[in-house]
Amino acid sequence: MSLVDQILGDGAVADLCRQWKDKINSGITLVMATLFWFLLEIMEARFVPLFCSILLLLMLLLFLWAKFGEIFFTRRPPTLEELNQPDSPLKALFLKMEGHLLMLYEIAYGKDNKTFLKTILYVTIIYIIGSYISLLTILYICLVCSMTIPILYQQFQEVIDSFMGKVSEEKDKLLEVFKTKVVSKIPRAPKVE
């Protein structure tokens, strides 16, 4: 199992990002993300009116599908009872969000100091990047990277792995030099027994 398979796992998102198994859905996702980014960043459309217009259009389409769908389509829209079932994708999304919020609470509670400090470091890095780039552009860059990097990695896996091995060796050498020249010269308090 390759590193990309381990990171992405299985499921619809992995199929969308990894090998573009469903090229139509992957292409539509990339085109729609590019369209939204273009509208909001380049054309400077306001988010709230655009979001409300999309919601109104979706509600109108759902209404038409529910009322006249049997005439034009073979599949009917899901009912509220179907959406409230335990295996519903919407319910799974809310449970996933709840799990992430609980994880953030545990980190903030401070039981694991190493994870707490890593989280503070990552949030600080995101804050610094976010002060120069808008959130929408960051999300768009993340989406494009998540859809292109796994494919590039699978095509050039040997080259990337050998390069990362060399980088890892250089990092280990630099850390050893740092330990011998800097860390070893820091005075330590004697151990009290």
Protein backbone atom coordinates (compact mmCIF):
# COMPACT_ATOMS: atom_id res chain seq x y z
CA MET A 1 0.00 0.00 0.00
CA SER A 2 1.50 3.32 -1.05
CA LEU A 3 1.76 6.44 1.10
CA VAL A 4 -1.05 8.12 -0.85
CA ASP A 5 -3.35 5.16 -0.18
CA GLN A 6 -2.51 5.28 3.53
CA ILE A 7 -3.19 9.03 3.78
CA LEU A 8 -6.39 9.15 1.74
CA GLY A 9 -7.81 5.79 2.80
CA ASP A 10 -10.95 4.55 1.08
CA GLY A 11 -14.21 6.20 0.16
CA ALA A 12 -15.62 8.82 -2.16
CA VAL A 13 -13.07 11.53 -1.30
CA ALA A 14 -10.18 9.16 -1.92
CA ASP A 15 -11.63 8.14 -5.28
CA LEU A 16 -12.15 11.81 -6.16
CA CYS A 17 -8.59 12.84 -5.26
CA ARG A 18 -6.44 9.79 -5.79
CA GLN A 19 -6.76 8.43 -9.26
CA TRP A 20 -9.71 10.33 -10.63
CA LYS A 21 -11.57 7.02 -10.88
CA ASP A 22 -14.71 8.92 -11.78
CA LYS A 23 -13.22 11.48 -14.14
CA ILE A 24 -16.53 13.30 -14.64
CA ASN A 25 -17.12 13.95 -10.92
CA SER A 26 -13.47 14.87 -10.35
CA GLY A 27 -13.53 17.27 -13.28
CA ILE A 28 -16.84 18.80 -12.17
CA THR A 29 -15.47 19.30 -8.66
CA LEU A 30 -12.34 21.04 -9.95
CA VAL A 31 -14.28 23.20 -12.43
CA MET A 32 -16.88 24.22 -9.82
CA ALA A 33 -14.18 25.09 -7.28
CA THR A 34 -12.38 27.15 -9.92
CA LEU A 35 -15.65 28.88 -10.85
CA PHE A 36 -16.44 29.78 -7.23
CA TRP A 37 -12.91 30.98 -6.62
CA PHE A 38 -13.06 33.09 -9.79
CA LEU A 39 -16.43 34.59 -8.87
CA LEU A 40 -15.50 35.41 -5.29
CA GLU A 41 -11.86 36.43 -5.66
CA ILE A 42 -11.39 37.77 -9.17
CA MET A 43 -14.88 39.12 -9.92
CA GLU A 44 -15.22 40.21 -6.24
CA ALA A 45 -18.77 38.94 -5.89
CA ARG A 46 -20.11 39.04 -2.36
CA PHE A 47 -20.38 35.67 -0.68
CA VAL A 48 -23.72 36.06 1.14
CA PRO A 49 -25.84 37.06 -1.90
CA LEU A 50 -24.15 34.36 -4.01
CA PHE A 51 -24.73 31.75 -1.29
CA CYS A 52 -28.38 32.79 -0.91
CA SER A 53 -28.91 32.66 -4.67
CA ILE A 54 -27.47 29.15 -4.79
CA LEU A 55 -29.66 28.07 -1.87
CA LEU A 56 -32.75 29.51 -3.55
CA LEU A 57 -31.89 27.74 -6.80
CA LEU A 58 -31.31 24.43 -4.98
CA MET A 59 -34.59 24.78 -3.07
CA LEU A 60 -36.45 25.49 -6.32
CA LEU A 61 -34.84 22.49 -8.03
CA LEU A 62 -35.64 20.24 -5.04
CA PHE A 63 -39.26 21.49 -5.05
CA LEU A 64 -39.60 20.80 -8.77
CA TRP A 65 -37.95 17.39 -8.34
CA ALA A 66 -40.31 16.49 -5.47
CA LYS A 67 -43.47 17.67 -7.29
CA PHE A 68 -42.75 16.70 -10.89
CA GLY A 69 -39.84 14.29 -10.56
CA GLU A 70 -41.86 11.16 -11.19
CA ILE A 71 -42.77 12.49 -14.62
CA PHE A 72 -39.25 13.42 -15.77
CA PHE A 73 -36.91 11.33 -13.59
CA THR A 74 -36.87 7.70 -12.53
CA ARG A 75 -35.37 8.43 -9.10
CA ARG A 76 -37.33 10.32 -6.48
CA PRO A 77 -35.74 12.74 -3.96
CA PRO A 78 -34.93 11.43 -0.45
CA THR A 79 -37.59 12.00 2.20
CA LEU A 80 -36.98 13.47 5.66
CA GLU A 81 -37.35 10.02 7.21
CA GLU A 82 -34.57 8.68 4.95
CA LEU A 83 -32.28 11.57 5.91
CA ASN A 84 -32.85 10.92 9.65
CA GLN A 85 -31.79 7.28 9.46
CA PRO A 86 -28.50 6.33 11.18
CA ASP A 87 -26.77 5.42 7.90
CA SER A 88 -27.64 8.77 6.30
CA PRO A 89 -24.66 10.67 4.80
CA LEU A 90 -25.89 13.92 6.39
CA LYS A 91 -25.99 12.33 9.84
CA ALA A 92 -22.51 10.88 9.26
CA LEU A 93 -21.22 14.36 8.36
CA PHE A 94 -22.60 15.86 11.59
CA LEU A 95 -21.13 13.02 13.66
CA LYS A 96 -17.74 13.58 12.01
CA MET A 97 -17.92 17.32 12.79
CA GLU A 98 -18.87 16.54 16.39
CA GLY A 99 -15.89 14.18 16.68
CA HIS A 100 -13.50 16.88 15.44
CA LEU A 101 -14.90 19.43 17.89
CA LEU A 102 -14.47 16.95 20.76
CA MET A 103 -10.90 16.30 19.63
CA LEU A 104 -10.19 20.05 19.68
CA TYR A 105 -11.69 20.27 23.17
CA GLU A 106 -9.43 17.46 24.40
CA ILE A 107 -6.40 19.18 22.89
CA ALA A 108 -7.34 22.52 24.46
CA TYR A 109 -7.93 20.85 27.83
CA GLY A 110 -4.16 20.30 27.95
CA LYS A 111 -3.75 16.63 28.85
CA ASP A 112 -1.24 16.03 26.04
CA ASN A 113 1.17 18.98 26.03
CA LYS A 114 3.03 17.90 22.90
CA THR A 115 -0.17 17.77 20.83
CA PHE A 116 -1.29 21.06 22.38
CA LEU A 117 1.94 22.80 21.36
CA LYS A 118 1.83 21.29 17.86
CA THR A 119 -1.74 22.54 17.47
CA ILE A 120 -0.74 26.04 18.58
CA LEU A 121 2.15 25.98 16.10
CA TYR A 122 -0.10 24.86 13.21
CA VAL A 123 -2.77 27.43 14.06
CA THR A 124 -0.09 30.14 14.20
CA ILE A 125 1.24 29.11 10.79
CA ILE A 126 -2.29 29.16 9.37
CA TYR A 127 -2.85 32.58 10.97
CA ILE A 128 0.30 33.99 9.37
CA ILE A 129 -0.55 32.56 5.96
CA GLY A 130 -4.15 33.74 6.34
CA SER A 131 -3.07 37.29 6.99
CA TYR A 132 -1.57 37.39 3.48
CA ILE A 133 -4.01 35.18 1.54
CA SER A 134 -7.80 35.01 1.78
CA LEU A 135 -9.48 31.92 3.18
CA LEU A 136 -11.13 31.14 -0.11
CA THR A 137 -7.79 31.12 -1.92
CA ILE A 138 -6.29 28.85 0.76
CA LEU A 139 -9.21 26.43 0.43
CA TYR A 140 -8.94 26.51 -3.36
CA ILE A 141 -5.18 25.82 -3.23
CA CYS A 142 -5.79 22.93 -0.80
CA LEU A 143 -8.45 21.44 -3.07
CA VAL A 144 -6.29 21.70 -6.19
CA CYS A 145 -3.29 20.25 -4.33
CA SER A 146 -5.37 17.38 -2.92
CA MET A 147 -6.58 16.53 -6.42
CA THR A 148 -3.22 16.81 -8.22
CA ILE A 149 -0.45 15.84 -5.76
CA PRO A 150 -1.58 12.19 -5.26
CA ILE A 151 -1.63 11.64 -9.01
CA LEU A 152 1.81 13.20 -9.46
CA TYR A 153 3.15 11.16 -6.53
CA GLN A 154 1.92 7.92 -8.02
CA GLN A 155 3.49 8.73 -11.39
CA PHE A 156 6.87 9.79 -9.96
CA GLN A 157 6.93 7.73 -6.75
CA GLU A 158 10.47 6.37 -7.08
CA VAL A 159 12.02 9.78 -7.76
CA ILE A 160 10.13 11.45 -4.90
CA ASP A 161 10.93 8.67 -2.43
CA SER A 162 14.66 8.76 -3.24
CA PHE A 163 14.68 12.56 -2.94
CA MET A 164 12.87 12.42 0.41
CA GLY A 165 15.36 9.81 1.60
CA LYS A 166 18.25 12.16 0.77
CA VAL A 167 16.47 15.06 2.50
CA SER A 168 15.93 12.89 5.58
CA GLU A 169 19.62 11.93 5.68
CA GLU A 170 20.67 15.60 5.41
CA LYS A 171 18.21 16.52 8.17
CA ASP A 172 19.68 13.83 10.44
CA LYS A 173 23.21 15.11 9.76
CA LEU A 174 22.21 18.71 10.52
CA LEU A 175 20.48 17.66 13.75
CA GLU A 176 23.57 15.74 14.84
CA VAL A 177 25.77 18.78 14.17
CA PHE A 178 23.30 20.99 16.07
CA LYS A 179 23.33 18.60 19.03
CA THR A 180 27.12 18.45 19.19
CA LYS A 181 27.77 22.16 18.68
CA VAL A 182 24.83 23.77 20.50
CA VAL A 183 22.87 21.43 22.73
CA SER A 184 25.93 19.78 24.27
CA LYS A 185 27.24 23.19 25.41
CA ILE A 186 24.09 24.11 27.35
CA PRO A 187 24.82 23.71 31.06
CA ARG A 188 22.62 21.23 32.87
CA ALA A 189 21.60 21.22 36.49
CA PRO A 190 22.92 18.23 38.43
CA LYS A 191 20.42 15.46 39.17
CA VAL A 192 19.17 15.48 42.72
CA GLU A 193 18.62 12.07 44.25
